[in-house]
Structure formats: C-alpha cells, structure tokens
Amino acid sequence: MNQVGEPERFQCLEIMKIGIREMQEFYIESSNTVEVEGFTKFGLTDTGIIDRYLVLTDDLRLAHYLQKIGIDTVNFNNIRVYGWK
C-alpha cells in the first residue's frame, strides 16, 4: 500500500477500513502453524494462510508452492498488467 501515491492510497485505506469493520476475523494459533509442512520454508505468516484461504500474493515462490499443493492462489503480479499503471 505504501507504493500507491496520494490521494489513491488514502482512498484505498478508507475503503479497506469499511470492509474491515464488517469482517469476522479468525486466527490460527502459532503453535498449530509451526506444525505445518511449509513452516520452515515460508515462515509464520505465509504458512498461516495455507490451510483454507484464497491467497493473493506477489511472492512467486509461495504462489507456486501453494498451487502445487492445491491451494487457490492468485499471483498479484499476473493481474497487475490489467489496466494498472
């Protein structure tokens, strides 16, 4: 988000704020996450999303791994070209 200039950054964060207020949050305990196979390769945050979520990432290595194990993944770099400046 810090790579987006103003006023677009502010506008995006305002929209994000509205969405976050409406979300129901779930979390995965770190003690469970460290037991996942990819933990030593990808770390706590990336491994925590592997279980059951659509993943949007710009990390090619992570995207490839997730797709290989059957996790729905969108590589952000693949969609940037569609009308982004």
N, C-alpha and C. Protein backbone atom coordinates (compact mmCIF):
# COMPACT_ATOMS: atom_id res chain seq x y z
N MET A 1 0.81 -1.18 0.00
CA MET A 1 0.00 0.00 0.00
C MET A 1 0.87 1.25 0.00
N ASN A 2 2.06 1.18 0.55
CA ASN A 2 2.92 2.36 0.60
C ASN A 2 3.48 2.75 -0.76
N GLN A 3 3.32 1.89 -1.75
CA GLN A 3 3.79 2.21 -3.10
C GLN A 3 2.74 2.96 -3.90
N VAL A 4 1.54 3.09 -3.37
CA VAL A 4 0.46 3.80 -4.04
C VAL A 4 0.54 5.27 -3.62
N GLY A 5 0.44 6.15 -4.60
CA GLY A 5 0.51 7.58 -4.31
C GLY A 5 -0.79 8.12 -3.76
N GLU A 6 -0.71 9.33 -3.26
CA GLU A 6 -1.90 10.02 -2.76
C GLU A 6 -2.61 10.70 -3.93
N PRO A 7 -3.87 10.85 -3.96
CA PRO A 7 -4.83 10.54 -2.90
C PRO A 7 -5.34 9.11 -2.96
N GLU A 8 -4.86 8.31 -3.93
CA GLU A 8 -5.35 6.94 -4.10
C GLU A 8 -5.10 6.08 -2.87
N ARG A 9 -3.94 6.26 -2.24
CA ARG A 9 -3.61 5.48 -1.04
C ARG A 9 -4.65 5.73 0.05
N PHE A 10 -4.93 7.00 0.30
CA PHE A 10 -5.92 7.37 1.31
C PHE A 10 -7.28 6.77 0.98
N GLN A 11 -7.68 6.86 -0.28
CA GLN A 11 -8.99 6.33 -0.70
C GLN A 11 -9.05 4.82 -0.52
N CYS A 12 -7.98 4.14 -0.87
CA CYS A 12 -7.94 2.68 -0.69
C CYS A 12 -8.05 2.30 0.78
N LEU A 13 -7.35 3.02 1.62
CA LEU A 13 -7.40 2.71 3.05
C LEU A 13 -8.76 3.01 3.65
N GLU A 14 -9.43 4.03 3.16
CA GLU A 14 -10.79 4.33 3.63
C GLU A 14 -11.75 3.19 3.26
N ILE A 15 -11.62 2.67 2.05
CA ILE A 15 -12.45 1.54 1.62
C ILE A 15 -12.11 0.30 2.44
N MET A 16 -10.83 0.09 2.66
CA MET A 16 -10.38 -1.05 3.44
C MET A 16 -10.93 -0.96 4.87
N LYS A 17 -10.94 0.22 5.43
CA LYS A 17 -11.45 0.42 6.79
C LYS A 17 -12.91 0.00 6.89
N ILE A 18 -13.70 0.36 5.89
CA ILE A 18 -15.12 -0.01 5.87
C ILE A 18 -15.27 -1.53 5.82
N GLY A 19 -14.50 -2.16 4.95
CA GLY A 19 -14.56 -3.61 4.82
C GLY A 19 -14.12 -4.34 6.07
N ILE A 20 -13.07 -3.85 6.68
CA ILE A 20 -12.54 -4.50 7.89
C ILE A 20 -13.55 -4.43 9.03
N ARG A 21 -14.26 -3.34 9.13
CA ARG A 21 -15.28 -3.22 10.18
C ARG A 21 -16.36 -4.29 10.05
N GLU A 22 -16.62 -4.74 8.84
CA GLU A 22 -17.68 -5.72 8.58
C GLU A 22 -17.19 -7.16 8.65
N MET A 23 -15.90 -7.37 8.68
CA MET A 23 -15.35 -8.72 8.64
C MET A 23 -15.47 -9.43 9.98
N GLN A 24 -15.59 -10.72 9.87
CA GLN A 24 -15.48 -11.57 11.05
C GLN A 24 -14.09 -12.18 10.98
N GLU A 25 -13.28 -11.95 12.00
CA GLU A 25 -11.90 -12.41 11.96
C GLU A 25 -11.75 -13.79 12.60
N PHE A 26 -10.88 -14.56 12.00
CA PHE A 26 -10.48 -15.85 12.53
C PHE A 26 -8.97 -15.86 12.60
N TYR A 27 -8.43 -16.62 13.49
CA TYR A 27 -6.98 -16.72 13.54
C TYR A 27 -6.57 -18.16 13.79
N ILE A 28 -5.35 -18.44 13.42
CA ILE A 28 -4.78 -19.77 13.62
C ILE A 28 -3.68 -19.61 14.67
N GLU A 29 -3.72 -20.42 15.68
CA GLU A 29 -2.71 -20.32 16.73
C GLU A 29 -1.33 -20.66 16.17
N SER A 30 -0.35 -19.88 16.56
CA SER A 30 1.02 -20.08 16.08
C SER A 30 1.53 -21.47 16.40
N SER A 31 1.13 -22.02 17.54
CA SER A 31 1.59 -23.36 17.92
C SER A 31 1.10 -24.41 16.93
N ASN A 32 -0.04 -24.17 16.28
CA ASN A 32 -0.52 -25.08 15.24
C ASN A 32 0.18 -24.81 13.91
N THR A 33 0.42 -23.55 13.63
CA THR A 33 1.03 -23.17 12.36
C THR A 33 2.44 -23.73 12.21
N VAL A 34 3.19 -23.76 13.29
CA VAL A 34 4.57 -24.24 13.19
C VAL A 34 4.64 -25.73 12.87
N GLU A 35 3.52 -26.44 12.99
CA GLU A 35 3.49 -27.86 12.66
C GLU A 35 3.19 -28.13 11.19
N VAL A 36 2.82 -27.10 10.44
CA VAL A 36 2.50 -27.25 9.02
C VAL A 36 3.80 -27.46 8.24
N GLU A 37 3.74 -28.33 7.24
CA GLU A 37 4.93 -28.71 6.49
C GLU A 37 5.73 -27.52 5.94
N GLY A 38 5.09 -26.50 5.44
CA GLY A 38 5.80 -25.39 4.81
C GLY A 38 6.38 -24.37 5.76
N PHE A 39 6.23 -24.56 7.07
CA PHE A 39 6.66 -23.53 8.03
C PHE A 39 8.13 -23.16 7.89
N THR A 40 9.01 -24.13 7.84
CA THR A 40 10.44 -23.81 7.80
C THR A 40 10.85 -23.15 6.49
N LYS A 41 10.05 -23.32 5.47
CA LYS A 41 10.36 -22.72 4.17
C LYS A 41 9.77 -21.32 4.04
N PHE A 42 8.58 -21.09 4.60
CA PHE A 42 7.87 -19.83 4.35
C PHE A 42 7.64 -18.97 5.58
N GLY A 43 7.82 -19.49 6.77
CA GLY A 43 7.64 -18.68 7.97
C GLY A 43 6.20 -18.67 8.47
N LEU A 44 5.99 -17.96 9.56
CA LEU A 44 4.73 -18.00 10.28
C LEU A 44 3.55 -17.41 9.51
N THR A 45 3.70 -16.20 8.99
CA THR A 45 2.57 -15.54 8.33
C THR A 45 2.13 -16.29 7.09
N ASP A 46 3.07 -16.58 6.19
CA ASP A 46 2.71 -17.26 4.95
C ASP A 46 2.16 -18.66 5.22
N THR A 47 2.72 -19.36 6.18
CA THR A 47 2.23 -20.70 6.49
C THR A 47 0.84 -20.65 7.11
N GLY A 48 0.54 -19.62 7.85
CA GLY A 48 -0.76 -19.49 8.49
C GLY A 48 -1.92 -19.37 7.52
N ILE A 49 -1.65 -18.93 6.29
CA ILE A 49 -2.73 -18.78 5.31
C ILE A 49 -2.89 -19.99 4.42
N ILE A 50 -2.01 -20.94 4.54
CA ILE A 50 -2.02 -22.11 3.65
C ILE A 50 -3.26 -22.96 3.84
N ASP A 51 -3.79 -23.03 5.03
CA ASP A 51 -4.80 -24.02 5.37
C ASP A 51 -6.08 -23.95 4.56
N ARG A 52 -6.69 -22.77 4.39
CA ARG A 52 -8.02 -22.79 3.78
C ARG A 52 -8.46 -21.47 3.15
N TYR A 53 -7.55 -20.65 2.75
CA TYR A 53 -7.94 -19.35 2.24
C TYR A 53 -7.45 -19.13 0.82
N LEU A 54 -8.20 -18.34 0.07
CA LEU A 54 -7.70 -17.87 -1.22
C LEU A 54 -6.55 -16.93 -0.91
N VAL A 55 -5.42 -17.17 -1.53
CA VAL A 55 -4.23 -16.38 -1.22
C VAL A 55 -3.91 -15.47 -2.39
N LEU A 56 -3.77 -14.18 -2.10
CA LEU A 56 -3.32 -13.19 -3.06
C LEU A 56 -1.92 -12.79 -2.63
N THR A 57 -0.93 -13.04 -3.48
CA THR A 57 0.45 -12.79 -3.10
C THR A 57 1.26 -12.30 -4.30
N ASP A 58 2.35 -11.61 -4.02
CA ASP A 58 3.29 -11.27 -5.09
C ASP A 58 4.56 -12.10 -4.96
N ASP A 59 4.53 -13.08 -4.09
CA ASP A 59 5.66 -13.97 -3.85
C ASP A 59 5.55 -15.18 -4.78
N LEU A 60 6.32 -15.17 -5.85
CA LEU A 60 6.24 -16.23 -6.86
C LEU A 60 6.52 -17.60 -6.27
N ARG A 61 7.52 -17.69 -5.42
CA ARG A 61 7.88 -18.98 -4.82
C ARG A 61 6.73 -19.51 -3.97
N LEU A 62 6.12 -18.64 -3.18
CA LEU A 62 4.98 -19.05 -2.36
C LEU A 62 3.79 -19.43 -3.23
N ALA A 63 3.50 -18.63 -4.25
CA ALA A 63 2.36 -18.92 -5.14
C ALA A 63 2.54 -20.28 -5.81
N HIS A 64 3.73 -20.55 -6.28
CA HIS A 64 4.00 -21.83 -6.95
C HIS A 64 3.78 -23.00 -5.97
N TYR A 65 4.30 -22.87 -4.77
CA TYR A 65 4.15 -23.92 -3.77
C TYR A 65 2.68 -24.15 -3.43
N LEU A 66 1.94 -23.07 -3.20
CA LEU A 66 0.54 -23.20 -2.84
C LEU A 66 -0.28 -23.85 -3.95
N GLN A 67 -0.03 -23.44 -5.18
CA GLN A 67 -0.74 -24.04 -6.31
C GLN A 67 -0.41 -25.52 -6.42
N LYS A 68 0.84 -25.85 -6.17
CA LYS A 68 1.28 -27.25 -6.25
C LYS A 68 0.57 -28.13 -5.22
N ILE A 69 0.25 -27.58 -4.04
CA ILE A 69 -0.42 -28.39 -3.02
C ILE A 69 -1.94 -28.18 -3.03
N GLY A 70 -2.44 -27.48 -4.05
CA GLY A 70 -3.88 -27.39 -4.25
C GLY A 70 -4.58 -26.23 -3.56
N ILE A 71 -3.85 -25.22 -3.15
CA ILE A 71 -4.45 -24.05 -2.51
C ILE A 71 -4.77 -23.01 -3.58
N ASP A 72 -5.99 -22.47 -3.56
CA ASP A 72 -6.36 -21.42 -4.51
C ASP A 72 -5.47 -20.21 -4.29
N THR A 73 -4.77 -19.82 -5.34
CA THR A 73 -3.77 -18.76 -5.23
C THR A 73 -3.82 -17.86 -6.46
N VAL A 74 -3.73 -16.56 -6.22
CA VAL A 74 -3.61 -15.59 -7.30
C VAL A 74 -2.28 -14.88 -7.10
N ASN A 75 -1.43 -14.95 -8.12
CA ASN A 75 -0.18 -14.20 -8.07
C ASN A 75 -0.48 -12.78 -8.51
N PHE A 76 -0.36 -11.84 -7.59
CA PHE A 76 -0.70 -10.44 -7.83
C PHE A 76 0.02 -9.90 -9.07
N ASN A 77 1.23 -10.34 -9.31
CA ASN A 77 1.98 -9.86 -10.48
C ASN A 77 1.31 -10.24 -11.79
N ASN A 78 0.53 -11.30 -11.79
CA ASN A 78 -0.16 -11.72 -13.01
C ASN A 78 -1.37 -10.86 -13.33
N ILE A 79 -1.90 -10.16 -12.35
CA ILE A 79 -3.08 -9.32 -12.62
C ILE A 79 -2.75 -7.83 -12.67
N ARG A 80 -1.55 -7.46 -12.34
CA ARG A 80 -1.15 -6.05 -12.40
C ARG A 80 -1.27 -5.48 -13.80
N VAL A 81 -1.01 -6.29 -14.79
CA VAL A 81 -0.97 -5.80 -16.17
C VAL A 81 -2.34 -5.41 -16.70
N TYR A 82 -3.40 -5.80 -16.02
CA TYR A 82 -4.75 -5.50 -16.49
C TYR A 82 -5.19 -4.11 -16.05
N GLY A 83 -4.70 -3.11 -16.73
CA GLY A 83 -5.15 -1.75 -16.50
C GLY A 83 -4.49 -1.00 -15.37
N TRP A 84 -3.44 -1.55 -14.78
CA TRP A 84 -2.76 -0.86 -13.69
C TRP A 84 -1.63 -0.04 -14.26
N LYS A 85 -1.40 1.11 -13.69
CA LYS A 85 -0.31 1.98 -14.15
C LYS A 85 0.76 2.06 -13.12
